[in-house]
Amino acid sequence: MVRFLGRRAVYMAATLLAISLVVFVIVSLPPGDFVTALEARYAVQGQRLTLAEVADLRVRYGLDGNILQQYWHWFTQIVLHGDLGMSFEHQKPVREVIGSRLGATLGISVITLLVSWGIAFPIGVYSAVRQRSVGDYAVTTVGFLGLATPNFLIALIFIYFSVSWFGSVPSGLCSPEWCDASWNLGKLLDLFGHLWIPMIVIGTAGVAGLVRIIRNNLLDELHRPYVTAARARGVPERQLLRRYPLRVALNPFVSTIGWVLPLLLVGDIVVGQILGLPTLGPILLGALKSQDMYLAGSIIMVLSVVTVIGTLISDMLLGWLDPRIRLGHQR
């Protein structure tokens, strides 16, 4: 296990180094930079920046060097000092901008994930055990509809019915009168009153996908010879299902940790924009539009770090859950 963790640590460091370079170059690829976008914004307002002001802004924001020089400055600040840099758009340290949205992002995503898993698991098991029943066909139909319908379309449908029936647009996670109030029972109830909409919108496709995964994997295991042999020995059906095929069918749930963790941080960008959610998704979109490369690059790097850590956790949990998987070299 120690050798496995050591090898993975080296691979993770090399992977993150390559990702950091690729991310920074891609974020910097669009023509111009933040100062160029700022010039265009001033021009729309009927104002113009002089050449001296533009040069001063490039020096101030560290944009006077080439891409490799800018990357090296950003990367060394992260490695040596843990400094993610300054956000050009928000005029704040990137760490503060990310931290201000991190709590709401994790809250929405973790609750959505737990509810999705809690709903998808029993439905997927029922659909596999009751294959070709009326319930199985109903679950399959709803699942395909959930996978085929974009989350942003579901969000727009919620907004339409909310305006038609209640005359208000669902936005954010709190009512205006509760946003600045201290935490109490009333604010908590108001939060739950707003939380169910993004939870349903974001979790729809996730539930549908997980139901399909658990159903297909469990069906595959239920037709294996060891299940037939256990039935022939008289093992009760529920005990058989719980001890053998269901445990193996859990592998997809565990293996998704690597890509689920970054989704917990960034959330659904388009849905967050439509519903006005205080998550990292809209911040990332705004940073890309304004070419705030330190903010955009840092958010993507945080997601990359979480992805490789999630992949490591998935590998270790799979090795513990499924005896057929070994983390070290076979002798």
C-alpha atoms as a PDB file:
ATOM      1  CA  MET A   1       0.000   0.000   0.000  1.00  0.00           C
ATOM      2  CA  VAL A   2       2.848   2.409   0.833  1.00  0.00           C
ATOM      3  CA  ARG A   3       4.526   1.749  -2.524  1.00  0.00           C
ATOM      4  CA  PHE A   4       1.188   2.195  -4.275  1.00  0.00           C
ATOM      5  CA  LEU A   5       0.584   5.556  -2.567  1.00  0.00           C
ATOM      6  CA  GLY A   6       4.151   6.664  -3.346  1.00  0.00           C
ATOM      7  CA  ARG A   7       3.780   5.853  -7.049  1.00  0.00           C
ATOM      8  CA  ARG A   8       0.412   7.564  -7.207  1.00  0.00           C
ATOM      9  CA  ALA A   9       1.788  10.674  -5.505  1.00  0.00           C
ATOM     10  CA  VAL A  10       4.488  10.970  -8.188  1.00  0.00           C
ATOM     11  CA  TYR A  11       1.951  10.416 -10.970  1.00  0.00           C
ATOM     12  CA  MET A  12      -0.421  12.960  -9.416  1.00  0.00           C
ATOM     13  CA  ALA A  13       2.309  15.612  -9.159  1.00  0.00           C
ATOM     14  CA  ALA A  14       3.334  15.094 -12.799  1.00  0.00           C
ATOM     15  CA  THR A  15      -0.301  15.130 -13.915  1.00  0.00           C
ATOM     16  CA  LEU A  16      -1.080  18.359 -12.067  1.00  0.00           C
ATOM     17  CA  LEU A  17       2.048  20.020 -13.465  1.00  0.00           C
ATOM     18  CA  ALA A  18       0.963  19.162 -17.009  1.00  0.00           C
ATOM     19  CA  ILE A  19      -2.633  20.212 -16.304  1.00  0.00           C
ATOM     20  CA  SER A  20      -1.540  23.566 -14.880  1.00  0.00           C
ATOM     21  CA  LEU A  21       0.412  24.408 -18.040  1.00  0.00           C
ATOM     22  CA  VAL A  22      -2.366  23.278 -20.389  1.00  0.00           C
ATOM     23  CA  VAL A  23      -5.035  25.118 -18.382  1.00  0.00           C
ATOM     24  CA  PHE A  24      -3.096  28.377 -18.295  1.00  0.00           C
ATOM     25  CA  VAL A  25      -2.326  28.253 -22.022  1.00  0.00           C
ATOM     26  CA  ILE A  26      -5.947  27.456 -22.950  1.00  0.00           C
ATOM     27  CA  VAL A  27      -7.331  30.222 -20.722  1.00  0.00           C
ATOM     28  CA  SER A  28      -4.859  32.642 -22.356  1.00  0.00           C
ATOM     29  CA  LEU A  29      -5.631  31.544 -25.942  1.00  0.00           C
ATOM     30  CA  PRO A  30      -8.516  33.962 -26.735  1.00  0.00           C
ATOM     31  CA  PRO A  31      -7.301  37.159 -28.448  1.00  0.00           C
ATOM     32  CA  GLY A  32      -6.371  39.938 -26.046  1.00  0.00           C
ATOM     33  CA  ASP A  33      -6.405  39.807 -22.280  1.00  0.00           C
ATOM     34  CA  PHE A  34      -8.213  41.380 -19.326  1.00  0.00           C
ATOM     35  CA  VAL A  35      -6.896  44.856 -20.189  1.00  0.00           C
ATOM     36  CA  THR A  36      -8.231  44.463 -23.731  1.00  0.00           C
ATOM     37  CA  ALA A  37     -11.632  43.476 -22.361  1.00  0.00           C
ATOM     38  CA  LEU A  38     -11.463  46.451 -19.992  1.00  0.00           C
ATOM     39  CA  GLU A  39     -10.707  48.796 -22.911  1.00  0.00           C
ATOM     40  CA  ALA A  40     -13.738  47.464 -24.785  1.00  0.00           C
ATOM     41  CA  ARG A  41     -15.917  47.964 -21.715  1.00  0.00           C
ATOM     42  CA  TYR A  42     -14.797  51.576 -21.379  1.00  0.00           C
ATOM     43  CA  ALA A  43     -15.366  52.150 -25.117  1.00  0.00           C
ATOM     44  CA  VAL A  44     -18.982  51.001 -24.776  1.00  0.00           C
ATOM     45  CA  GLN A  45     -19.409  53.617 -22.026  1.00  0.00           C
ATOM     46  CA  GLY A  46     -17.931  56.304 -24.305  1.00  0.00           C
ATOM     47  CA  GLN A  47     -14.578  56.477 -22.507  1.00  0.00           C
ATOM     48  CA  ARG A  48     -11.083  55.726 -23.791  1.00  0.00           C
ATOM     49  CA  LEU A  49      -7.885  54.664 -22.079  1.00  0.00           C
ATOM     50  CA  THR A  50      -4.622  56.244 -23.123  1.00  0.00           C
ATOM     51  CA  LEU A  51      -1.656  54.145 -24.189  1.00  0.00           C
ATOM     52  CA  ALA A  52       0.140  55.056 -20.962  1.00  0.00           C
ATOM     53  CA  GLU A  53      -2.846  53.900 -18.878  1.00  0.00           C
ATOM     54  CA  VAL A  54      -3.032  50.639 -20.817  1.00  0.00           C
ATOM     55  CA  ALA A  55       0.693  50.020 -20.284  1.00  0.00           C
ATOM     56  CA  ASP A  56       0.378  50.779 -16.554  1.00  0.00           C
ATOM     57  CA  LEU A  57      -2.557  48.359 -16.250  1.00  0.00           C
ATOM     58  CA  ARG A  58      -0.593  45.580 -17.958  1.00  0.00           C
ATOM     59  CA  VAL A  59       2.303  46.081 -15.540  1.00  0.00           C
ATOM     60  CA  ARG A  60      -0.088  46.258 -12.570  1.00  0.00           C
ATOM     61  CA  TYR A  61      -1.820  42.996 -13.481  1.00  0.00           C
ATOM     62  CA  GLY A  62       1.395  41.239 -14.559  1.00  0.00           C
ATOM     63  CA  LEU A  63       0.339  41.019 -18.197  1.00  0.00           C
ATOM     64  CA  ASP A  64       3.418  42.697 -19.642  1.00  0.00           C
ATOM     65  CA  GLY A  65       5.321  39.419 -20.144  1.00  0.00           C
ATOM     66  CA  ASN A  66       4.689  36.500 -22.510  1.00  0.00           C
ATOM     67  CA  ILE A  67       2.468  33.534 -21.660  1.00  0.00           C
ATOM     68  CA  LEU A  68       5.276  31.379 -20.258  1.00  0.00           C
ATOM     69  CA  GLN A  69       6.491  34.184 -17.975  1.00  0.00           C
ATOM     70  CA  GLN A  70       2.957  34.774 -16.709  1.00  0.00           C
ATOM     71  CA  TYR A  71       2.482  31.040 -16.170  1.00  0.00           C
ATOM     72  CA  TRP A  72       5.752  30.674 -14.265  1.00  0.00           C
ATOM     73  CA  HIS A  73       4.888  33.587 -11.973  1.00  0.00           C
ATOM     74  CA  TRP A  74       1.413  32.155 -11.269  1.00  0.00           C
ATOM     75  CA  PHE A  75       2.660  28.578 -10.760  1.00  0.00           C
ATOM     76  CA  THR A  76       5.554  29.506  -8.468  1.00  0.00           C
ATOM     77  CA  GLN A  77       3.261  31.658  -6.330  1.00  0.00           C
ATOM     78  CA  ILE A  78       0.928  28.679  -5.878  1.00  0.00           C
ATOM     79  CA  VAL A  79       3.687  26.154  -5.112  1.00  0.00           C
ATOM     80  CA  LEU A  80       5.897  28.325  -2.893  1.00  0.00           C
ATOM     81  CA  HIS A  81       3.327  30.486  -1.116  1.00  0.00           C
ATOM     82  CA  GLY A  82      -0.058  28.883  -1.717  1.00  0.00           C
ATOM     83  CA  ASP A  83      -1.127  32.171  -3.318  1.00  0.00           C
ATOM     84  CA  LEU A  84      -3.672  31.792  -6.118  1.00  0.00           C
ATOM     85  CA  GLY A  85      -3.170  35.383  -7.235  1.00  0.00           C
ATOM     86  CA  MET A  86      -5.492  38.370  -7.551  1.00  0.00           C
ATOM     87  CA  SER A  87      -8.762  38.403  -9.430  1.00  0.00           C
ATOM     88  CA  PHE A  88      -8.714  41.190 -12.011  1.00  0.00           C
ATOM     89  CA  GLU A  89     -12.499  41.411 -12.223  1.00  0.00           C
ATOM     90  CA  HIS A  90     -13.280  41.323  -8.499  1.00  0.00           C
ATOM     91  CA  GLN A  91     -10.141  43.121  -7.282  1.00  0.00           C
ATOM     92  CA  LYS A  92      -9.799  40.561  -4.516  1.00  0.00           C
ATOM     93  CA  PRO A  93      -7.502  37.628  -3.840  1.00  0.00           C
ATOM     94  CA  VAL A  94      -8.667  34.574  -5.768  1.00  0.00           C
ATOM     95  CA  ARG A  95      -8.763  32.628  -2.508  1.00  0.00           C
ATOM     96  CA  GLU A  96     -11.398  35.018  -1.117  1.00  0.00           C
ATOM     97  CA  VAL A  97     -13.511  34.891  -4.293  1.00  0.00           C
ATOM     98  CA  ILE A  98     -13.523  31.084  -4.285  1.00  0.00           C
ATOM     99  CA  GLY A  99     -14.066  30.892  -0.517  1.00  0.00           C
ATOM    100  CA  SER A 100     -17.114  33.178  -0.663  1.00  0.00           C
ATOM    101  CA  ARG A 101     -18.908  30.708  -2.952  1.00  0.00           C
ATOM    102  CA  LEU A 102     -17.506  27.429  -1.684  1.00  0.00           C
ATOM    103  CA  GLY A 103     -19.957  26.906   1.189  1.00  0.00           C
ATOM    104  CA  ALA A 104     -23.098  27.332  -0.922  1.00  0.00           C
ATOM    105  CA  THR A 105     -21.635  25.204  -3.719  1.00  0.00           C
ATOM    106  CA  LEU A 106     -20.768  22.321  -1.402  1.00  0.00           C
ATOM    107  CA  GLY A 107     -24.093  22.584   0.428  1.00  0.00           C
ATOM    108  CA  ILE A 108     -26.184  22.357  -2.731  1.00  0.00           C
ATOM    109  CA  SER A 109     -24.059  19.680  -4.350  1.00  0.00           C
ATOM    110  CA  VAL A 110     -23.610  17.385  -1.340  1.00  0.00           C
ATOM    111  CA  ILE A 111     -27.326  17.417  -0.518  1.00  0.00           C
ATOM    112  CA  THR A 112     -28.178  16.832  -4.179  1.00  0.00           C
ATOM    113  CA  LEU A 113     -25.688  13.965  -4.387  1.00  0.00           C
ATOM    114  CA  LEU A 114     -26.935  12.230  -1.234  1.00  0.00           C
ATOM    115  CA  VAL A 115     -30.574  12.573  -2.277  1.00  0.00           C
ATOM    116  CA  SER A 116     -29.745  11.342  -5.792  1.00  0.00           C
ATOM    117  CA  TRP A 117     -27.932   8.281  -4.459  1.00  0.00           C
ATOM    118  CA  GLY A 118     -30.697   7.617  -1.924  1.00  0.00           C
ATOM    119  CA  ILE A 119     -33.329   7.686  -4.681  1.00  0.00           C
ATOM    120  CA  ALA A 120     -31.368   5.988  -7.459  1.00  0.00           C
ATOM    121  CA  PHE A 121     -30.094   2.992  -5.503  1.00  0.00           C
ATOM    122  CA  PRO A 122     -33.413   1.391  -4.430  1.00  0.00           C
ATOM    123  CA  ILE A 123     -35.075   2.229  -7.764  1.00  0.00           C
ATOM    124  CA  GLY A 124     -32.189   0.674  -9.704  1.00  0.00           C
ATOM    125  CA  VAL A 125     -32.275  -2.472  -7.554  1.00  0.00           C
ATOM    126  CA  TYR A 126     -36.061  -2.773  -7.943  1.00  0.00           C
ATOM    127  CA  SER A 127     -35.826  -2.295 -11.704  1.00  0.00           C
ATOM    128  CA  ALA A 128     -33.188  -5.041 -11.995  1.00  0.00           C
ATOM    129  CA  VAL A 129     -34.927  -7.534  -9.708  1.00  0.00           C
ATOM    130  CA  ARG A 130     -38.330  -6.904 -11.354  1.00  0.00           C
ATOM    131  CA  GLN A 131     -37.008  -6.936 -14.911  1.00  0.00           C
ATOM    132  CA  ARG A 132     -39.670  -6.504 -17.646  1.00  0.00           C
ATOM    133  CA  SER A 133     -42.355  -5.658 -15.107  1.00  0.00           C
ATOM    134  CA  VAL A 134     -44.616  -2.613 -15.398  1.00  0.00           C
ATOM    135  CA  GLY A 135     -42.500  -0.818 -12.794  1.00  0.00           C
ATOM    136  CA  ASP A 136     -39.312  -1.608 -14.708  1.00  0.00           C
ATOM    137  CA  TYR A 137     -40.741  -0.212 -17.941  1.00  0.00           C
ATOM    138  CA  ALA A 138     -41.946   2.907 -16.126  1.00  0.00           C
ATOM    139  CA  VAL A 139     -38.546   3.462 -14.503  1.00  0.00           C
ATOM    140  CA  THR A 140     -36.764   2.919 -17.834  1.00  0.00           C
ATOM    141  CA  THR A 141     -39.032   5.403 -19.631  1.00  0.00           C
ATOM    142  CA  VAL A 142     -38.648   8.080 -16.976  1.00  0.00           C
ATOM    143  CA  GLY A 143     -34.910   7.437 -16.880  1.00  0.00           C
ATOM    144  CA  PHE A 144     -34.515   7.997 -20.606  1.00  0.00           C
ATOM    145  CA  LEU A 145     -36.558  11.196 -20.368  1.00  0.00           C
ATOM    146  CA  GLY A 146     -34.371  12.397 -17.498  1.00  0.00           C
ATOM    147  CA  LEU A 147     -31.177  11.693 -19.426  1.00  0.00           C
ATOM    148  CA  ALA A 148     -32.490  13.321 -22.603  1.00  0.00           C
ATOM    149  CA  THR A 149     -33.753  16.528 -20.971  1.00  0.00           C
ATOM    150  CA  PRO A 150     -31.058  19.178 -20.319  1.00  0.00           C
ATOM    151  CA  ASN A 151     -30.937  20.531 -16.776  1.00  0.00           C
ATOM    152  CA  PHE A 152     -31.197  24.127 -17.965  1.00  0.00           C
ATOM    153  CA  LEU A 153     -34.482  23.289 -19.754  1.00  0.00           C
ATOM    154  CA  ILE A 154     -35.902  21.872 -16.519  1.00  0.00           C
ATOM    155  CA  ALA A 155     -34.794  25.074 -14.762  1.00  0.00           C
ATOM    156  CA  LEU A 156     -36.598  27.193 -17.364  1.00  0.00           C
ATOM    157  CA  ILE A 157     -39.746  25.072 -16.943  1.00  0.00           C
ATOM    158  CA  PHE A 158     -39.618  25.650 -13.171  1.00  0.00           C
ATOM    159  CA  ILE A 159     -39.252  29.387 -13.733  1.00  0.00           C
ATOM    160  CA  TYR A 160     -42.196  29.424 -16.162  1.00  0.00           C
ATOM    161  CA  PHE A 161     -44.565  27.648 -13.772  1.00  0.00           C
ATOM    162  CA  SER A 162     -43.338  29.703 -10.835  1.00  0.00           C
ATOM    163  CA  VAL A 163     -44.122  32.939 -12.676  1.00  0.00           C
ATOM    164  CA  SER A 164     -47.456  31.596 -13.989  1.00  0.00           C
ATOM    165  CA  TRP A 165     -48.706  30.223 -10.686  1.00  0.00           C
ATOM    166  CA  PHE A 166     -47.016  32.332  -8.001  1.00  0.00           C
ATOM    167  CA  GLY A 167     -45.983  35.474  -9.884  1.00  0.00           C
ATOM    168  CA  SER A 168     -42.348  35.257  -8.757  1.00  0.00           C
ATOM    169  CA  VAL A 169     -39.060  34.058 -10.211  1.00  0.00           C
ATOM    170  CA  PRO A 170     -37.133  31.480  -8.131  1.00  0.00           C
ATOM    171  CA  SER A 171     -33.656  32.916  -7.628  1.00  0.00           C
ATOM    172  CA  GLY A 172     -30.843  32.321  -5.180  1.00  0.00           C
ATOM    173  CA  LEU A 173     -31.016  30.385  -1.942  1.00  0.00           C
ATOM    174  CA  CYS A 174     -32.840  32.860   0.249  1.00  0.00           C
ATOM    175  CA  SER A 175     -35.556  35.486   0.177  1.00  0.00           C
ATOM    176  CA  PRO A 176     -34.408  39.133   0.149  1.00  0.00           C
ATOM    177  CA  GLU A 177     -35.565  39.690   3.726  1.00  0.00           C
ATOM    178  CA  TRP A 178     -33.528  36.719   4.996  1.00  0.00           C
ATOM    179  CA  CYS A 179     -30.264  37.102   3.025  1.00  0.00           C
ATOM    180  CA  ASP A 180     -28.576  39.442   5.525  1.00  0.00           C
ATOM    181  CA  ALA A 181     -30.210  38.006   8.638  1.00  0.00           C
ATOM    182  CA  SER A 182     -28.338  35.874  11.153  1.00  0.00           C
ATOM    183  CA  TRP A 183     -28.976  32.141  11.144  1.00  0.00           C
ATOM    184  CA  ASN A 184     -32.105  31.036  12.960  1.00  0.00           C
ATOM    185  CA  LEU A 185     -35.022  28.668  12.410  1.00  0.00           C
ATOM    186  CA  GLY A 186     -36.795  31.068  10.055  1.00  0.00           C
ATOM    187  CA  LYS A 187     -33.754  31.478   7.803  1.00  0.00           C
ATOM    188  CA  LEU A 188     -33.162  27.722   7.811  1.00  0.00           C
ATOM    189  CA  LEU A 189     -36.752  27.053   6.729  1.00  0.00           C
ATOM    190  CA  ASP A 190     -36.421  29.728   4.051  1.00  0.00           C
ATOM    191  CA  LEU A 191     -33.235  28.014   2.810  1.00  0.00           C
ATOM    192  CA  PHE A 192     -35.003  24.659   2.529  1.00  0.00           C
ATOM    193  CA  GLY A 193     -37.856  26.400   0.718  1.00  0.00           C
ATOM    194  CA  HIS A 194     -35.387  27.528  -1.973  1.00  0.00           C
ATOM    195  CA  LEU A 195     -33.069  24.515  -1.953  1.00  0.00           C
ATOM    196  CA  TRP A 196     -35.484  21.957  -3.363  1.00  0.00           C
ATOM    197  CA  ILE A 197     -35.632  23.629  -6.794  1.00  0.00           C
ATOM    198  CA  PRO A 198     -31.882  23.416  -7.643  1.00  0.00           C
ATOM    199  CA  MET A 199     -31.787  19.999  -5.984  1.00  0.00           C
ATOM    200  CA  ILE A 200     -34.443  18.646  -8.363  1.00  0.00           C
ATOM    201  CA  VAL A 201     -33.064  20.465 -11.418  1.00  0.00           C
ATOM    202  CA  ILE A 202     -29.441  19.424 -10.913  1.00  0.00           C
ATOM    203  CA  GLY A 203     -30.219  15.926  -9.617  1.00  0.00           C
ATOM    204  CA  THR A 204     -32.604  14.803 -12.374  1.00  0.00           C
ATOM    205  CA  ALA A 205     -29.993  13.641 -14.876  1.00  0.00           C
ATOM    206  CA  GLY A 206     -27.827  12.233 -12.080  1.00  0.00           C
ATOM    207  CA  VAL A 207     -30.636  10.078 -10.698  1.00  0.00           C
ATOM    208  CA  ALA A 208     -31.560   8.826 -14.174  1.00  0.00           C
ATOM    209  CA  GLY A 209     -27.960   7.947 -14.992  1.00  0.00           C
ATOM    210  CA  LEU A 210     -27.311   6.187 -11.681  1.00  0.00           C
ATOM    211  CA  VAL A 211     -30.520   4.153 -12.006  1.00  0.00           C
ATOM    212  CA  ARG A 212     -29.397   2.921 -15.414  1.00  0.00           C
ATOM    213  CA  ILE A 213     -25.910   2.067 -14.104  1.00  0.00           C
ATOM    214  CA  ILE A 214     -27.065   0.136 -11.033  1.00  0.00           C
ATOM    215  CA  ARG A 215     -29.776  -1.665 -13.030  1.00  0.00           C
ATOM    216  CA  ASN A 216     -27.473  -2.805 -15.832  1.00  0.00           C
ATOM    217  CA  ASN A 217     -24.656  -3.886 -13.503  1.00  0.00           C
ATOM    218  CA  LEU A 218     -26.997  -5.777 -11.204  1.00  0.00           C
ATOM    219  CA  LEU A 219     -28.676  -7.515 -14.145  1.00  0.00           C
ATOM    220  CA  ASP A 220     -25.255  -8.587 -15.387  1.00  0.00           C
ATOM    221  CA  GLU A 221     -24.360 -10.049 -11.974  1.00  0.00           C
ATOM    222  CA  LEU A 222     -27.708 -11.794 -11.479  1.00  0.00           C
ATOM    223  CA  HIS A 223     -27.016 -13.982 -14.523  1.00  0.00           C
ATOM    224  CA  ARG A 224     -23.564 -15.079 -13.408  1.00  0.00           C
ATOM    225  CA  PRO A 225     -22.936 -18.797 -12.637  1.00  0.00           C
ATOM    226  CA  TYR A 226     -22.118 -18.146  -8.961  1.00  0.00           C
ATOM    227  CA  VAL A 227     -25.607 -16.666  -8.452  1.00  0.00           C
ATOM    228  CA  THR A 228     -27.213 -19.686 -10.095  1.00  0.00           C
ATOM    229  CA  ALA A 229     -25.124 -22.000  -7.900  1.00  0.00           C
ATOM    230  CA  ALA A 230     -26.093 -20.093  -4.750  1.00  0.00           C
ATOM    231  CA  ARG A 231     -29.772 -20.370  -5.666  1.00  0.00           C
ATOM    232  CA  ALA A 232     -29.307 -24.122  -6.239  1.00  0.00           C
ATOM    233  CA  ARG A 233     -27.878 -24.416  -2.708  1.00  0.00           C
ATOM    234  CA  GLY A 234     -31.058 -22.838  -1.356  1.00  0.00           C
ATOM    235  CA  VAL A 235     -29.668 -19.447  -0.339  1.00  0.00           C
ATOM    236  CA  PRO A 236     -32.630 -17.102   0.299  1.00  0.00           C
ATOM    237  CA  GLU A 237     -33.095 -14.546  -2.468  1.00  0.00           C
ATOM    238  CA  ARG A 238     -32.702 -11.471  -0.262  1.00  0.00           C
ATOM    239  CA  GLN A 239     -29.574 -12.822   1.418  1.00  0.00           C
ATOM    240  CA  LEU A 240     -28.148 -13.816  -1.953  1.00  0.00           C
ATOM    241  CA  LEU A 241     -28.851 -10.380  -3.423  1.00  0.00           C
ATOM    242  CA  ARG A 242     -27.326  -8.538  -0.466  1.00  0.00           C
ATOM    243  CA  ARG A 243     -24.171 -10.607  -0.012  1.00  0.00           C
ATOM    244  CA  TYR A 244     -22.995 -11.120  -3.582  1.00  0.00           C
ATOM    245  CA  PRO A 245     -24.320  -9.351  -6.714  1.00  0.00           C
ATOM    246  CA  LEU A 246     -25.420  -6.163  -4.963  1.00  0.00           C
ATOM    247  CA  ARG A 247     -21.971  -5.663  -3.460  1.00  0.00           C
ATOM    248  CA  VAL A 248     -20.327  -6.001  -6.867  1.00  0.00           C
ATOM    249  CA  ALA A 249     -22.915  -3.677  -8.409  1.00  0.00           C
ATOM    250  CA  LEU A 250     -21.800  -0.974  -5.970  1.00  0.00           C
ATOM    251  CA  ASN A 251     -18.529  -0.589  -7.881  1.00  0.00           C
ATOM    252  CA  PRO A 252     -19.903   2.056 -10.280  1.00  0.00           C
ATOM    253  CA  PHE A 253     -21.034   4.193  -7.337  1.00  0.00           C
ATOM    254  CA  VAL A 254     -17.558   4.086  -5.847  1.00  0.00           C
ATOM    255  CA  SER A 255     -15.767   4.584  -9.168  1.00  0.00           C
ATOM    256  CA  THR A 256     -17.682   7.825  -9.850  1.00  0.00           C
ATOM    257  CA  ILE A 257     -16.066   9.641  -6.917  1.00  0.00           C
ATOM    258  CA  GLY A 258     -13.256  10.878  -9.170  1.00  0.00           C
ATOM    259  CA  TRP A 259     -15.586  12.925 -11.351  1.00  0.00           C
ATOM    260  CA  VAL A 260     -18.327  13.570  -8.805  1.00  0.00           C
ATOM    261  CA  LEU A 261     -16.050  15.529  -6.435  1.00  0.00           C
ATOM    262  CA  PRO A 262     -15.185  18.266  -8.960  1.00  0.00           C
ATOM    263  CA  LEU A 263     -18.878  18.536  -9.843  1.00  0.00           C
ATOM    264  CA  LEU A 264     -19.548  19.134  -6.157  1.00  0.00           C
ATOM    265  CA  LEU A 265     -17.324  22.201  -6.341  1.00  0.00           C
ATOM    266  CA  VAL A 266     -18.318  23.767  -9.645  1.00  0.00           C
ATOM    267  CA  GLY A 267     -21.952  22.672  -9.755  1.00  0.00           C
ATOM    268  CA  ASP A 268     -23.986  23.139 -12.937  1.00  0.00           C
ATOM    269  CA  ILE A 269     -22.748  26.354 -14.563  1.00  0.00           C
ATOM    270  CA  VAL A 270     -25.774  27.029 -16.785  1.00  0.00           C
ATOM    271  CA  VAL A 271     -28.328  26.110 -14.105  1.00  0.00           C
ATOM    272  CA  GLY A 272     -26.485  28.271 -11.579  1.00  0.00           C
ATOM    273  CA  GLN A 273     -26.627  31.186 -14.005  1.00  0.00           C
ATOM    274  CA  ILE A 274     -30.356  30.728 -14.720  1.00  0.00           C
ATOM    275  CA  LEU A 275     -31.407  30.268 -11.088  1.00  0.00           C
ATOM    276  CA  GLY A 276     -29.004  32.892  -9.729  1.00  0.00           C
ATOM    277  CA  LEU A 277     -27.273  30.417  -7.410  1.00  0.00           C
ATOM    278  CA  PRO A 278     -24.273  31.693  -5.400  1.00  0.00           C
ATOM    279  CA  THR A 279     -22.036  28.859  -6.605  1.00  0.00           C
ATOM    280  CA  LEU A 280     -18.638  28.649  -8.287  1.00  0.00           C
ATOM    281  CA  GLY A 281     -20.127  27.871 -11.706  1.00  0.00           C
ATOM    282  CA  PRO A 282     -21.253  31.425 -12.577  1.00  0.00           C
ATOM    283  CA  ILE A 283     -17.984  32.795 -11.163  1.00  0.00           C
ATOM    284  CA  LEU A 284     -16.001  30.522 -13.507  1.00  0.00           C
ATOM    285  CA  LEU A 285     -18.161  31.528 -16.474  1.00  0.00           C
ATOM    286  CA  GLY A 286     -17.706  35.219 -15.681  1.00  0.00           C
ATOM    287  CA  ALA A 287     -13.946  34.783 -15.297  1.00  0.00           C
ATOM    288  CA  LEU A 288     -13.698  33.125 -18.712  1.00  0.00           C
ATOM    289  CA  LYS A 289     -15.799  35.847 -20.349  1.00  0.00           C
ATOM    290  CA  SER A 290     -13.744  38.683 -18.824  1.00  0.00           C
ATOM    291  CA  GLN A 291     -10.443  36.808 -19.387  1.00  0.00           C
ATOM    292  CA  ASP A 292      -9.677  36.887 -15.667  1.00  0.00           C
ATOM    293  CA  MET A 293      -7.084  34.174 -16.186  1.00  0.00           C
ATOM    294  CA  TYR A 294      -5.828  33.890 -12.602  1.00  0.00           C
ATOM    295  CA  LEU A 295      -9.355  33.317 -11.285  1.00  0.00           C
ATOM    296  CA  ALA A 296     -10.404  30.965 -14.096  1.00  0.00           C
ATOM    297  CA  GLY A 297      -7.106  29.061 -14.022  1.00  0.00           C
ATOM    298  CA  SER A 298      -7.182  28.704 -10.239  1.00  0.00           C
ATOM    299  CA  ILE A 299     -10.754  27.368 -10.209  1.00  0.00           C
ATOM    300  CA  ILE A 300      -9.912  24.819 -12.905  1.00  0.00           C
ATOM    301  CA  MET A 301      -6.730  23.844 -11.044  1.00  0.00           C
ATOM    302  CA  VAL A 302      -8.706  23.328  -7.832  1.00  0.00           C
ATOM    303  CA  LEU A 303     -11.076  21.078  -9.775  1.00  0.00           C
ATOM    304  CA  SER A 304      -8.103  19.178 -11.217  1.00  0.00           C
ATOM    305  CA  VAL A 305      -6.597  18.606  -7.768  1.00  0.00           C
ATOM    306  CA  VAL A 306      -9.945  17.370  -6.465  1.00  0.00           C
ATOM    307  CA  THR A 307     -10.291  15.078  -9.504  1.00  0.00           C
ATOM    308  CA  VAL A 308      -6.959  13.302  -9.008  1.00  0.00           C
ATOM    309  CA  ILE A 309      -7.600  12.990  -5.260  1.00  0.00           C
ATOM    310  CA  GLY A 310     -11.074  11.611  -5.976  1.00  0.00           C
ATOM    311  CA  THR A 311      -9.593   9.089  -8.404  1.00  0.00           C
ATOM    312  CA  LEU A 312      -7.142   7.935  -5.731  1.00  0.00           C
ATOM    313  CA  ILE A 313      -9.970   7.549  -3.214  1.00  0.00           C
ATOM    314  CA  SER A 314     -11.997   5.592  -5.787  1.00  0.00           C
ATOM    315  CA  ASP A 315      -9.107   3.184  -6.419  1.00  0.00           C
ATOM    316  CA  MET A 316      -8.581   2.565  -2.714  1.00  0.00           C
ATOM    317  CA  LEU A 317     -12.283   2.037  -2.008  1.00  0.00           C
ATOM    318  CA  LEU A 318     -12.635  -0.297  -4.987  1.00  0.00           C
ATOM    319  CA  GLY A 319      -9.701  -2.346  -3.721  1.00  0.00           C
ATOM    320  CA  TRP A 320     -11.421  -2.648  -0.333  1.00  0.00           C
ATOM    321  CA  LEU A 321     -14.902  -3.293  -1.725  1.00  0.00           C
ATOM    322  CA  ASP A 322     -14.031  -5.820  -4.442  1.00  0.00           C
ATOM    323  CA  PRO A 323     -11.474  -8.522  -3.525  1.00  0.00           C
ATOM    324  CA  ARG A 324     -10.798  -9.116  -7.230  1.00  0.00           C
ATOM    325  CA  ILE A 325      -9.104  -5.695  -7.439  1.00  0.00           C
ATOM    326  CA  ARG A 326      -5.546  -5.391  -6.171  1.00  0.00           C
ATOM    327  CA  LEU A 327      -3.757  -2.099  -5.713  1.00  0.00           C
ATOM    328  CA  GLY A 328      -0.225  -3.482  -5.775  1.00  0.00           C
ATOM    329  CA  HIS A 329       1.662  -5.623  -8.283  1.00  0.00           C
ATOM    330  CA  GLN A 330       0.768  -9.308  -8.397  1.00  0.00           C
ATOM    331  CA  ARG A 331       3.630 -11.677  -7.550  1.00  0.00           C
END
